[in-house]
N, C-alpha and C. Protein backbone atom coordinates (compact mmCIF):
# COMPACT_ATOMS: atom_id res chain seq x y z
N MET A 1 123.64 83.81 101.78
CA MET A 1 124.07 85.11 101.30
C MET A 1 124.81 84.98 99.98
N LEU A 2 125.70 83.97 99.90
CA LEU A 2 126.47 83.79 98.67
C LEU A 2 125.55 83.47 97.50
N LEU A 3 124.51 82.66 97.76
CA LEU A 3 123.55 82.33 96.71
C LEU A 3 122.81 83.57 96.23
N LEU A 4 122.37 84.41 97.17
CA LEU A 4 121.65 85.63 96.81
C LEU A 4 122.54 86.57 96.02
N ARG A 5 123.82 86.62 96.38
CA ARG A 5 124.76 87.48 95.65
C ARG A 5 124.95 86.96 94.23
N LYS A 6 124.99 85.64 94.08
CA LYS A 6 125.12 85.06 92.74
C LYS A 6 123.89 85.37 91.90
N VAL A 7 122.72 85.35 92.53
CA VAL A 7 121.50 85.70 91.81
C VAL A 7 121.59 87.11 91.27
N SER A 8 122.09 88.03 92.07
CA SER A 8 122.25 89.42 91.62
C SER A 8 123.17 89.49 90.40
N VAL A 9 124.27 88.76 90.47
CA VAL A 9 125.22 88.75 89.35
C VAL A 9 124.57 88.17 88.10
N TYR A 10 123.81 87.08 88.27
CA TYR A 10 123.15 86.45 87.11
C TYR A 10 122.10 87.37 86.50
N LEU A 11 121.39 88.12 87.33
CA LEU A 11 120.40 89.05 86.81
C LEU A 11 121.06 90.13 85.96
N CYS A 12 122.19 90.65 86.44
CA CYS A 12 122.92 91.67 85.69
C CYS A 12 123.46 91.10 84.38
N LEU A 13 124.01 89.88 84.44
CA LEU A 13 124.55 89.25 83.23
C LEU A 13 123.45 88.95 82.23
N PHE A 14 122.30 88.51 82.73
CA PHE A 14 121.19 88.19 81.82
C PHE A 14 120.71 89.43 81.10
N SER A 15 120.65 90.56 81.80
CA SER A 15 120.23 91.81 81.16
C SER A 15 121.20 92.21 80.05
N LEU A 16 122.50 92.04 80.31
CA LEU A 16 123.50 92.35 79.29
C LEU A 16 123.40 91.40 78.10
N CYS A 17 123.16 90.12 78.38
CA CYS A 17 123.02 89.14 77.30
C CYS A 17 121.80 89.44 76.43
N MET A 18 120.70 89.83 77.06
CA MET A 18 119.51 90.18 76.31
C MET A 18 119.77 91.40 75.42
N SER A 19 120.51 92.36 75.95
CA SER A 19 120.83 93.56 75.16
C SER A 19 121.67 93.20 73.94
N VAL A 20 122.69 92.39 74.16
CA VAL A 20 123.58 91.99 73.06
C VAL A 20 122.81 91.17 72.02
N ALA A 21 121.93 90.28 72.48
CA ALA A 21 121.21 89.40 71.56
C ALA A 21 120.18 90.16 70.73
N LEU A 22 119.49 91.12 71.34
CA LEU A 22 118.41 91.82 70.64
C LEU A 22 118.82 93.15 70.04
N TYR A 23 120.03 93.60 70.33
CA TYR A 23 120.48 94.90 69.84
C TYR A 23 120.41 95.01 68.31
N PRO A 24 120.84 93.99 67.56
CA PRO A 24 120.77 94.11 66.09
C PRO A 24 119.34 94.24 65.57
N LEU A 25 118.35 93.81 66.36
CA LEU A 25 116.96 93.84 65.90
C LEU A 25 116.25 95.15 66.24
N LEU A 26 116.90 95.99 67.02
CA LEU A 26 116.26 97.23 67.44
C LEU A 26 116.35 98.30 66.36
N PRO A 27 115.33 99.16 66.26
CA PRO A 27 115.39 100.28 65.32
C PRO A 27 116.33 101.36 65.86
N SER A 28 116.56 102.39 65.08
CA SER A 28 117.48 103.45 65.50
C SER A 28 116.96 104.21 66.72
N HIS A 29 115.65 104.30 66.85
CA HIS A 29 115.03 104.93 68.01
C HIS A 29 113.99 103.96 68.59
N VAL A 30 114.04 103.78 69.90
CA VAL A 30 113.20 102.80 70.58
C VAL A 30 112.24 103.52 71.52
N ALA A 31 110.98 103.09 71.53
CA ALA A 31 109.98 103.68 72.42
C ALA A 31 110.30 103.32 73.87
N THR A 32 110.19 104.29 74.76
CA THR A 32 110.46 104.06 76.18
C THR A 32 109.31 104.53 77.07
N HIS A 33 108.30 105.17 76.48
CA HIS A 33 107.16 105.65 77.28
C HIS A 33 105.91 105.59 76.43
N TRP A 34 104.80 105.20 77.07
CA TRP A 34 103.53 105.09 76.40
C TRP A 34 102.47 105.85 77.17
N ASN A 35 101.58 106.55 76.48
CA ASN A 35 100.53 107.30 77.16
C ASN A 35 99.43 106.36 77.65
N ILE A 36 98.39 106.94 78.25
CA ILE A 36 97.35 106.10 78.84
C ILE A 36 96.57 105.32 77.80
N HIS A 37 96.69 105.69 76.54
CA HIS A 37 96.01 104.98 75.46
C HIS A 37 96.89 103.90 74.84
N GLY A 38 98.11 103.74 75.36
CA GLY A 38 98.99 102.71 74.86
C GLY A 38 99.80 103.12 73.65
N THR A 39 99.81 104.42 73.33
CA THR A 39 100.56 104.92 72.18
C THR A 39 101.91 105.46 72.64
N ALA A 40 102.98 105.05 71.97
CA ALA A 40 104.32 105.51 72.33
C ALA A 40 104.43 107.00 72.07
N ASP A 41 104.95 107.74 73.07
CA ASP A 41 105.09 109.18 72.91
C ASP A 41 106.49 109.68 73.28
N GLU A 42 107.37 108.80 73.69
CA GLU A 42 108.75 109.18 73.96
C GLU A 42 109.69 108.08 73.46
N TYR A 43 110.80 108.51 72.87
CA TYR A 43 111.75 107.56 72.29
C TYR A 43 113.17 107.90 72.77
N THR A 44 114.03 106.92 72.68
CA THR A 44 115.43 107.13 72.99
C THR A 44 116.27 106.43 71.93
N THR A 45 117.56 106.68 71.94
CA THR A 45 118.42 106.08 70.94
C THR A 45 118.58 104.58 71.18
N LYS A 46 119.02 103.90 70.18
CA LYS A 46 119.18 102.45 70.24
C LYS A 46 120.17 102.04 71.33
N ILE A 47 121.28 102.75 71.43
CA ILE A 47 122.31 102.40 72.41
C ILE A 47 121.81 102.61 73.83
N MET A 48 121.03 103.68 74.05
CA MET A 48 120.50 103.95 75.39
C MET A 48 119.47 102.90 75.79
N ALA A 49 118.60 102.55 74.86
CA ALA A 49 117.57 101.55 75.16
C ALA A 49 118.21 100.19 75.41
N GLY A 50 119.31 99.91 74.73
CA GLY A 50 119.93 98.60 74.86
C GLY A 50 120.77 98.42 76.11
N PHE A 51 121.40 99.50 76.58
CA PHE A 51 122.41 99.29 77.64
C PHE A 51 122.27 100.20 78.86
N LEU A 52 121.34 101.14 78.88
CA LEU A 52 121.21 102.02 80.04
C LEU A 52 120.79 101.24 81.29
N ILE A 53 119.73 100.44 81.18
CA ILE A 53 119.25 99.69 82.34
C ILE A 53 120.26 98.65 82.82
N PRO A 54 120.91 97.89 81.93
CA PRO A 54 121.95 96.96 82.42
C PRO A 54 123.06 97.67 83.18
N VAL A 55 123.50 98.83 82.70
CA VAL A 55 124.53 99.58 83.42
C VAL A 55 124.00 100.05 84.77
N LEU A 56 122.75 100.49 84.81
CA LEU A 56 122.14 100.90 86.07
C LEU A 56 122.05 99.74 87.04
N MET A 57 121.72 98.56 86.54
CA MET A 57 121.62 97.37 87.39
C MET A 57 122.98 97.02 88.00
N VAL A 58 124.03 97.09 87.20
CA VAL A 58 125.37 96.81 87.72
C VAL A 58 125.76 97.82 88.79
N PHE A 59 125.43 99.08 88.54
CA PHE A 59 125.74 100.14 89.52
C PHE A 59 125.00 99.90 90.83
N LEU A 60 123.70 99.58 90.75
CA LEU A 60 122.92 99.33 91.96
C LEU A 60 123.43 98.11 92.71
N PHE A 61 123.86 97.09 91.97
CA PHE A 61 124.40 95.89 92.61
C PHE A 61 125.67 96.22 93.39
N LYS A 62 126.54 97.02 92.81
CA LYS A 62 127.79 97.38 93.49
C LYS A 62 127.51 98.24 94.72
N VAL A 63 126.56 99.16 94.61
CA VAL A 63 126.19 99.98 95.77
C VAL A 63 125.60 99.11 96.87
N SER A 64 124.74 98.17 96.49
CA SER A 64 124.15 97.26 97.47
C SER A 64 125.20 96.39 98.13
N ASP A 65 126.14 95.90 97.33
CA ASP A 65 127.21 95.07 97.87
C ASP A 65 128.05 95.86 98.88
N PHE A 66 128.35 97.10 98.55
CA PHE A 66 129.11 97.97 99.46
C PHE A 66 128.33 98.20 100.75
N THR A 67 127.02 98.43 100.62
CA THR A 67 126.18 98.68 101.79
C THR A 67 126.19 97.48 102.73
N MET A 68 126.03 96.29 102.17
CA MET A 68 126.00 95.09 103.01
C MET A 68 127.34 94.85 103.71
N ARG A 69 128.43 95.18 103.05
CA ARG A 69 129.75 94.90 103.61
C ARG A 69 130.14 95.89 104.71
N TYR A 70 129.80 97.16 104.52
CA TYR A 70 130.34 98.20 105.39
C TYR A 70 129.32 98.90 106.28
N ILE A 71 128.03 98.65 106.05
CA ILE A 71 127.02 99.28 106.88
C ILE A 71 126.32 98.26 107.78
N TYR A 72 125.86 97.16 107.19
CA TYR A 72 125.19 96.16 108.00
C TYR A 72 126.17 95.31 108.81
N GLY A 73 127.41 95.22 108.34
CA GLY A 73 128.43 94.50 109.09
C GLY A 73 128.16 93.01 109.16
N THR A 74 128.12 92.49 110.38
CA THR A 74 128.00 91.04 110.55
C THR A 74 126.57 90.58 110.80
N SER A 75 125.59 91.48 110.68
CA SER A 75 124.20 91.10 110.89
C SER A 75 123.72 90.27 109.71
N LYS A 76 123.76 88.96 109.88
CA LYS A 76 123.46 88.06 108.77
C LYS A 76 122.02 88.19 108.29
N ARG A 77 121.08 88.29 109.24
CA ARG A 77 119.67 88.36 108.86
C ARG A 77 119.37 89.64 108.11
N ASN A 78 119.89 90.76 108.59
CA ASN A 78 119.66 92.02 107.89
C ASN A 78 120.28 92.02 106.51
N CYS A 79 121.45 91.41 106.40
CA CYS A 79 122.11 91.31 105.09
C CYS A 79 121.29 90.45 104.14
N THR A 80 120.69 89.39 104.66
CA THR A 80 119.88 88.52 103.82
C THR A 80 118.66 89.26 103.29
N VAL A 81 117.96 89.98 104.17
CA VAL A 81 116.80 90.76 103.74
C VAL A 81 117.21 91.83 102.75
N HIS A 82 118.34 92.48 103.02
CA HIS A 82 118.85 93.51 102.11
C HIS A 82 119.14 92.91 100.74
N ALA A 83 119.71 91.71 100.71
CA ALA A 83 120.02 91.06 99.42
C ALA A 83 118.74 90.69 98.67
N ILE A 84 117.71 90.29 99.41
CA ILE A 84 116.43 89.96 98.77
C ILE A 84 115.81 91.21 98.15
N VAL A 85 115.88 92.32 98.87
CA VAL A 85 115.37 93.59 98.35
C VAL A 85 116.14 93.98 97.09
N THR A 86 117.46 93.82 97.14
CA THR A 86 118.30 94.15 95.98
C THR A 86 117.90 93.31 94.77
N ASN A 87 117.73 92.00 94.98
CA ASN A 87 117.35 91.13 93.87
C ASN A 87 115.95 91.46 93.35
N THR A 88 115.07 91.90 94.24
CA THR A 88 113.74 92.31 93.81
C THR A 88 113.80 93.54 92.91
N VAL A 89 114.60 94.52 93.31
CA VAL A 89 114.77 95.73 92.50
C VAL A 89 115.41 95.38 91.15
N LEU A 90 116.44 94.55 91.18
CA LEU A 90 117.11 94.15 89.94
C LEU A 90 116.17 93.38 89.03
N SER A 91 115.35 92.50 89.62
CA SER A 91 114.40 91.73 88.81
C SER A 91 113.37 92.64 88.16
N PHE A 92 112.93 93.65 88.91
CA PHE A 92 111.96 94.60 88.36
C PHE A 92 112.56 95.38 87.19
N LEU A 93 113.80 95.84 87.37
CA LEU A 93 114.48 96.56 86.28
C LEU A 93 114.70 95.66 85.08
N LEU A 94 115.07 94.40 85.34
CA LEU A 94 115.27 93.45 84.25
C LEU A 94 113.98 93.23 83.48
N PHE A 95 112.89 93.12 84.21
CA PHE A 95 111.59 92.91 83.57
C PHE A 95 111.24 94.08 82.65
N ILE A 96 111.43 95.30 83.14
CA ILE A 96 111.16 96.50 82.33
C ILE A 96 112.08 96.53 81.12
N HIS A 97 113.35 96.17 81.33
CA HIS A 97 114.32 96.17 80.25
C HIS A 97 113.93 95.20 79.14
N VAL A 98 113.53 94.00 79.53
CA VAL A 98 113.14 92.99 78.54
C VAL A 98 111.88 93.43 77.80
N LEU A 99 110.94 94.04 78.52
CA LEU A 99 109.72 94.53 77.87
C LEU A 99 110.06 95.55 76.79
N ILE A 100 110.90 96.52 77.12
CA ILE A 100 111.27 97.57 76.16
C ILE A 100 111.98 96.97 74.96
N LEU A 101 112.87 96.03 75.21
CA LEU A 101 113.59 95.39 74.10
C LEU A 101 112.64 94.62 73.18
N LEU A 102 111.75 93.83 73.77
CA LEU A 102 110.83 93.03 72.97
C LEU A 102 109.88 93.91 72.17
N ILE A 103 109.36 94.96 72.82
CA ILE A 103 108.49 95.89 72.09
C ILE A 103 109.27 96.59 70.98
N GLY A 104 110.53 96.90 71.27
CA GLY A 104 111.37 97.55 70.27
C GLY A 104 111.62 96.68 69.05
N THR A 105 111.61 95.37 69.23
CA THR A 105 111.83 94.46 68.10
C THR A 105 110.56 94.23 67.28
N GLY A 106 109.44 94.82 67.75
CA GLY A 106 108.21 94.71 66.98
C GLY A 106 107.17 93.78 67.58
N ILE A 107 107.45 93.17 68.71
CA ILE A 107 106.49 92.29 69.36
C ILE A 107 105.46 93.13 70.11
N PHE A 108 104.19 92.83 69.92
CA PHE A 108 103.13 93.60 70.58
C PHE A 108 102.97 93.11 72.02
N ILE A 109 103.16 94.01 72.96
CA ILE A 109 102.99 93.72 74.39
C ILE A 109 102.30 94.92 75.03
N ASP A 110 101.33 94.65 75.88
CA ASP A 110 100.66 95.72 76.62
C ASP A 110 101.58 96.14 77.76
N PHE A 111 102.33 97.21 77.53
CA PHE A 111 103.35 97.63 78.49
C PHE A 111 102.73 98.02 79.83
N HIS A 112 101.66 98.78 79.80
CA HIS A 112 101.05 99.25 81.05
C HIS A 112 100.57 98.10 81.92
N MET A 113 99.92 97.12 81.31
CA MET A 113 99.41 95.99 82.08
C MET A 113 100.56 95.19 82.70
N CYS A 114 101.60 94.94 81.92
CA CYS A 114 102.76 94.21 82.43
C CYS A 114 103.46 95.01 83.54
N LEU A 115 103.54 96.32 83.35
CA LEU A 115 104.21 97.16 84.35
C LEU A 115 103.44 97.16 85.66
N LEU A 116 102.11 97.26 85.59
CA LEU A 116 101.31 97.27 86.81
C LEU A 116 101.42 95.94 87.55
N ALA A 117 101.40 94.83 86.80
CA ALA A 117 101.53 93.51 87.42
C ALA A 117 102.88 93.37 88.11
N ALA A 118 103.94 93.82 87.43
CA ALA A 118 105.29 93.74 88.01
C ALA A 118 105.42 94.65 89.22
N ALA A 119 104.85 95.86 89.13
CA ALA A 119 104.92 96.80 90.25
C ALA A 119 104.16 96.27 91.46
N GLY A 120 103.01 95.65 91.22
CA GLY A 120 102.24 95.07 92.32
C GLY A 120 103.03 93.98 93.03
N ALA A 121 103.63 93.08 92.26
CA ALA A 121 104.47 92.03 92.85
C ALA A 121 105.66 92.63 93.59
N PHE A 122 106.23 93.70 93.02
CA PHE A 122 107.38 94.37 93.62
C PHE A 122 107.05 94.89 95.02
N PHE A 123 105.92 95.57 95.17
CA PHE A 123 105.54 96.11 96.46
C PHE A 123 105.18 95.02 97.46
N LEU A 124 104.60 93.93 96.99
CA LEU A 124 104.27 92.82 97.89
C LEU A 124 105.54 92.17 98.43
N VAL A 125 106.55 92.01 97.58
CA VAL A 125 107.82 91.45 98.05
C VAL A 125 108.48 92.41 99.04
N LEU A 126 108.43 93.70 98.75
CA LEU A 126 109.00 94.68 99.68
C LEU A 126 108.30 94.63 101.04
N SER A 127 106.98 94.48 101.03
CA SER A 127 106.25 94.40 102.30
C SER A 127 106.68 93.16 103.08
N TRP A 128 106.91 92.07 102.39
CA TRP A 128 107.37 90.84 103.04
C TRP A 128 108.75 91.06 103.67
N CYS A 129 109.63 91.72 102.94
CA CYS A 129 110.98 91.97 103.45
C CYS A 129 110.94 92.88 104.68
N PHE A 130 110.14 93.94 104.62
CA PHE A 130 110.05 94.84 105.76
C PHE A 130 109.45 94.13 106.97
N ALA A 131 108.50 93.23 106.72
CA ALA A 131 107.90 92.49 107.83
C ALA A 131 108.92 91.58 108.49
N LYS A 132 109.81 91.00 107.72
CA LYS A 132 110.84 90.12 108.28
C LYS A 132 111.79 90.91 109.17
N ILE A 133 112.16 92.10 108.76
CA ILE A 133 113.03 92.92 109.59
C ILE A 133 112.31 93.29 110.88
N GLN A 134 111.03 93.59 110.76
CA GLN A 134 110.25 94.05 111.91
C GLN A 134 110.08 92.95 112.95
N THR A 135 109.74 91.74 112.51
CA THR A 135 109.35 90.71 113.46
C THR A 135 110.52 89.89 113.98
N ARG A 136 111.63 89.86 113.25
CA ARG A 136 112.72 88.99 113.65
C ARG A 136 113.93 89.73 114.22
N GLU A 137 114.33 90.80 113.53
CA GLU A 137 115.51 91.53 114.00
C GLU A 137 115.37 93.00 113.68
N PRO A 138 114.68 93.77 114.54
CA PRO A 138 114.50 95.20 114.27
C PRO A 138 115.84 95.90 114.14
N VAL A 139 115.88 96.85 113.23
CA VAL A 139 117.07 97.66 113.07
C VAL A 139 116.76 99.07 113.53
N THR A 140 117.77 99.90 113.64
CA THR A 140 117.55 101.26 114.11
C THR A 140 117.75 102.24 112.98
N ALA A 141 116.82 103.19 112.89
CA ALA A 141 116.96 104.29 111.95
C ALA A 141 117.69 105.42 112.65
N PRO A 142 118.26 106.39 111.91
CA PRO A 142 119.04 107.46 112.53
C PRO A 142 118.29 108.24 113.60
N PHE A 143 116.95 108.38 113.46
CA PHE A 143 116.18 109.17 114.41
C PHE A 143 115.32 108.30 115.33
N VAL A 144 115.58 107.01 115.37
CA VAL A 144 114.79 106.10 116.20
C VAL A 144 115.68 105.49 117.26
N SER A 145 115.34 105.72 118.53
CA SER A 145 116.16 105.19 119.60
C SER A 145 115.48 104.08 120.38
N THR A 146 114.19 103.85 120.13
CA THR A 146 113.49 102.78 120.83
C THR A 146 112.93 101.78 119.84
N GLU A 147 112.89 100.55 120.27
CA GLU A 147 112.39 99.49 119.39
C GLU A 147 110.92 99.65 119.10
N THR A 148 110.14 100.14 120.08
CA THR A 148 108.70 100.29 119.90
C THR A 148 108.37 101.27 118.78
N VAL A 149 109.04 102.41 118.76
CA VAL A 149 108.81 103.40 117.71
C VAL A 149 109.14 102.83 116.35
N PHE A 150 110.27 102.13 116.27
CA PHE A 150 110.67 101.54 115.00
C PHE A 150 109.64 100.52 114.52
N GLN A 151 109.15 99.69 115.42
CA GLN A 151 108.18 98.67 115.03
C GLN A 151 106.88 99.29 114.55
N LYS A 152 106.46 100.40 115.15
CA LYS A 152 105.26 101.08 114.68
C LYS A 152 105.45 101.63 113.28
N MET A 153 106.62 102.21 113.04
CA MET A 153 106.92 102.73 111.70
C MET A 153 106.94 101.59 110.69
N GLN A 154 107.55 100.48 111.07
CA GLN A 154 107.62 99.32 110.18
C GLN A 154 106.23 98.77 109.90
N MET A 155 105.36 98.73 110.92
CA MET A 155 104.02 98.21 110.74
C MET A 155 103.26 99.02 109.69
N HIS A 156 103.34 100.34 109.78
CA HIS A 156 102.64 101.19 108.80
C HIS A 156 103.25 101.03 107.41
N THR A 157 104.57 100.89 107.34
CA THR A 157 105.22 100.72 106.04
C THR A 157 104.81 99.40 105.39
N VAL A 158 104.80 98.33 106.17
CA VAL A 158 104.42 97.02 105.65
C VAL A 158 102.98 97.04 105.14
N ARG A 159 102.08 97.60 105.94
CA ARG A 159 100.67 97.63 105.53
C ARG A 159 100.46 98.51 104.31
N THR A 160 101.19 99.61 104.24
CA THR A 160 101.06 100.50 103.08
C THR A 160 101.55 99.82 101.82
N PHE A 161 102.71 99.15 101.90
CA PHE A 161 103.23 98.43 100.73
C PHE A 161 102.29 97.32 100.28
N ARG A 162 101.68 96.63 101.24
CA ARG A 162 100.73 95.58 100.88
C ARG A 162 99.51 96.17 100.20
N PHE A 163 99.03 97.29 100.74
CA PHE A 163 97.88 97.96 100.14
C PHE A 163 98.19 98.37 98.71
N ILE A 164 99.37 98.96 98.49
CA ILE A 164 99.75 99.39 97.15
C ILE A 164 99.88 98.18 96.23
N GLY A 165 100.55 97.12 96.72
CA GLY A 165 100.76 95.94 95.89
C GLY A 165 99.46 95.30 95.43
N PHE A 166 98.56 95.03 96.39
CA PHE A 166 97.27 94.43 96.01
C PHE A 166 96.44 95.39 95.19
N GLY A 167 96.54 96.69 95.51
CA GLY A 167 95.78 97.69 94.75
C GLY A 167 96.20 97.73 93.29
N LEU A 168 97.51 97.66 93.04
CA LEU A 168 98.00 97.66 91.66
C LEU A 168 97.53 96.43 90.90
N LEU A 169 97.54 95.29 91.57
CA LEU A 169 97.08 94.05 90.91
C LEU A 169 95.58 94.11 90.62
N ILE A 170 94.81 94.64 91.57
CA ILE A 170 93.36 94.75 91.36
C ILE A 170 93.04 95.76 90.26
N SER A 171 93.89 96.80 90.14
CA SER A 171 93.63 97.83 89.12
C SER A 171 93.71 97.28 87.70
N LEU A 172 94.27 96.09 87.55
CA LEU A 172 94.37 95.50 86.21
C LEU A 172 93.00 95.21 85.60
N ILE A 173 91.97 95.08 86.44
CA ILE A 173 90.63 94.80 85.93
C ILE A 173 89.91 96.08 85.50
N LEU A 174 90.48 97.24 85.81
CA LEU A 174 89.86 98.51 85.44
C LEU A 174 90.08 98.81 83.96
N PRO A 175 89.29 99.71 83.39
CA PRO A 175 89.54 100.15 82.01
C PRO A 175 90.95 100.74 81.90
N GLN A 176 91.55 100.61 80.75
CA GLN A 176 92.94 101.02 80.57
C GLN A 176 93.18 102.48 80.92
N GLN A 177 92.25 103.36 80.60
CA GLN A 177 92.47 104.77 80.85
C GLN A 177 92.49 105.10 82.34
N TRP A 178 91.97 104.19 83.18
CA TRP A 178 91.96 104.41 84.62
C TRP A 178 93.11 103.72 85.34
N GLN A 179 93.74 102.77 84.69
CA GLN A 179 94.78 101.99 85.35
C GLN A 179 95.95 102.85 85.80
N VAL A 180 96.47 103.68 84.90
CA VAL A 180 97.64 104.49 85.22
C VAL A 180 97.31 105.51 86.29
N HIS A 181 96.17 106.18 86.18
CA HIS A 181 95.78 107.18 87.18
C HIS A 181 95.61 106.54 88.55
N THR A 182 94.99 105.37 88.58
CA THR A 182 94.80 104.68 89.85
C THR A 182 96.13 104.30 90.47
N ALA A 183 97.06 103.80 89.64
CA ALA A 183 98.38 103.40 90.15
C ALA A 183 99.14 104.60 90.70
N ILE A 184 99.10 105.71 89.98
CA ILE A 184 99.80 106.92 90.44
C ILE A 184 99.22 107.41 91.76
N CYS A 185 97.90 107.39 91.89
CA CYS A 185 97.26 107.85 93.12
C CYS A 185 97.63 106.96 94.30
N MET A 186 97.60 105.64 94.11
CA MET A 186 97.91 104.73 95.20
C MET A 186 99.36 104.85 95.65
N ILE A 187 100.27 104.90 94.70
CA ILE A 187 101.69 105.03 95.05
C ILE A 187 101.96 106.39 95.68
N GLY A 188 101.37 107.44 95.12
CA GLY A 188 101.58 108.77 95.66
C GLY A 188 101.05 108.93 97.07
N PHE A 189 99.78 108.53 97.28
CA PHE A 189 99.19 108.65 98.62
C PHE A 189 99.87 107.71 99.61
N GLY A 190 100.28 106.54 99.13
CA GLY A 190 101.00 105.62 100.01
C GLY A 190 102.32 106.20 100.47
N GLY A 191 103.05 106.81 99.54
CA GLY A 191 104.32 107.43 99.89
C GLY A 191 104.13 108.60 100.85
N ILE A 192 103.10 109.42 100.60
CA ILE A 192 102.82 110.56 101.49
C ILE A 192 102.45 110.06 102.89
N PHE A 193 101.66 109.00 102.95
CA PHE A 193 101.25 108.44 104.24
C PHE A 193 102.47 107.97 105.05
N ILE A 194 103.40 107.28 104.38
CA ILE A 194 104.61 106.80 105.06
C ILE A 194 105.43 107.97 105.58
N ILE A 195 105.57 109.02 104.76
CA ILE A 195 106.32 110.21 105.20
C ILE A 195 105.66 110.87 106.39
N ILE A 196 104.33 111.01 106.35
CA ILE A 196 103.62 111.64 107.46
C ILE A 196 103.79 110.84 108.75
N MET A 197 103.64 109.52 108.66
CA MET A 197 103.77 108.68 109.85
C MET A 197 105.20 108.70 110.38
N THR A 198 106.17 108.74 109.47
CA THR A 198 107.57 108.82 109.90
C THR A 198 107.82 110.12 110.66
N LEU A 199 107.33 111.24 110.12
CA LEU A 199 107.49 112.52 110.79
C LEU A 199 106.74 112.56 112.12
N TYR A 200 105.58 111.90 112.16
CA TYR A 200 104.80 111.86 113.39
C TYR A 200 105.57 111.13 114.49
N TYR A 201 106.08 109.95 114.18
CA TYR A 201 106.82 109.19 115.18
C TYR A 201 108.15 109.86 115.52
N TYR A 202 108.73 110.56 114.55
CA TYR A 202 109.93 111.31 114.84
C TYR A 202 109.64 112.42 115.84
N THR A 203 108.49 113.08 115.68
CA THR A 203 108.11 114.14 116.61
C THR A 203 107.87 113.58 118.01
N ILE A 204 107.16 112.45 118.06
CA ILE A 204 106.90 111.80 119.36
C ILE A 204 108.21 111.41 120.03
N GLU A 205 109.13 110.85 119.23
CA GLU A 205 110.42 110.43 119.78
C GLU A 205 111.22 111.62 120.28
N SER A 206 111.16 112.73 119.55
CA SER A 206 111.93 113.92 119.95
C SER A 206 111.41 114.49 121.27
N ARG A 207 110.10 114.46 121.46
CA ARG A 207 109.52 114.99 122.69
C ARG A 207 109.89 114.12 123.89
N ASN A 208 110.02 112.82 123.64
CA ASN A 208 110.36 111.92 124.75
C ASN A 208 111.86 111.92 125.04
């Protein structure tokens, strides 16, 4: 746990160091969004591009640290999985932050392709984390009173995250104009499916 917490701290520090190191090289306005053709269509100020994500990472780390201390309590395994999820989210944000900074300094990078690859890996790691909670130490959700219901919900969540993760990676071989649309559809339908299954099992649990 201590090692995972240190990793979180190092990720936050690295993002701040990258901002400080590359800040002088950034233009007054930095691109933060690109259309399906790879053309920048939204910009933000230099200070926001340089330090918004690092501040967000520090905030998320503190919230995660509070959650592990006061919600999970002494459950070591759940805390470990929670810390891995936190580091995965922080790593994803760091990756996006570095991409924006490097592109802002004038380096040509295909943002969409890098984002899809990172998002695919992100969902695969999340599926692994959810599977560990499911198979080793099930936890209880506010509306789940039986282990069986929780495990069914976890099973659908794990499979959906894996489907999204592999789908995003496979979408990299598609033409660029289809990559973003495919990613949005998979994430959207995957999220809707998880919500529907959660409501379904909640209804079954309420009747019982």
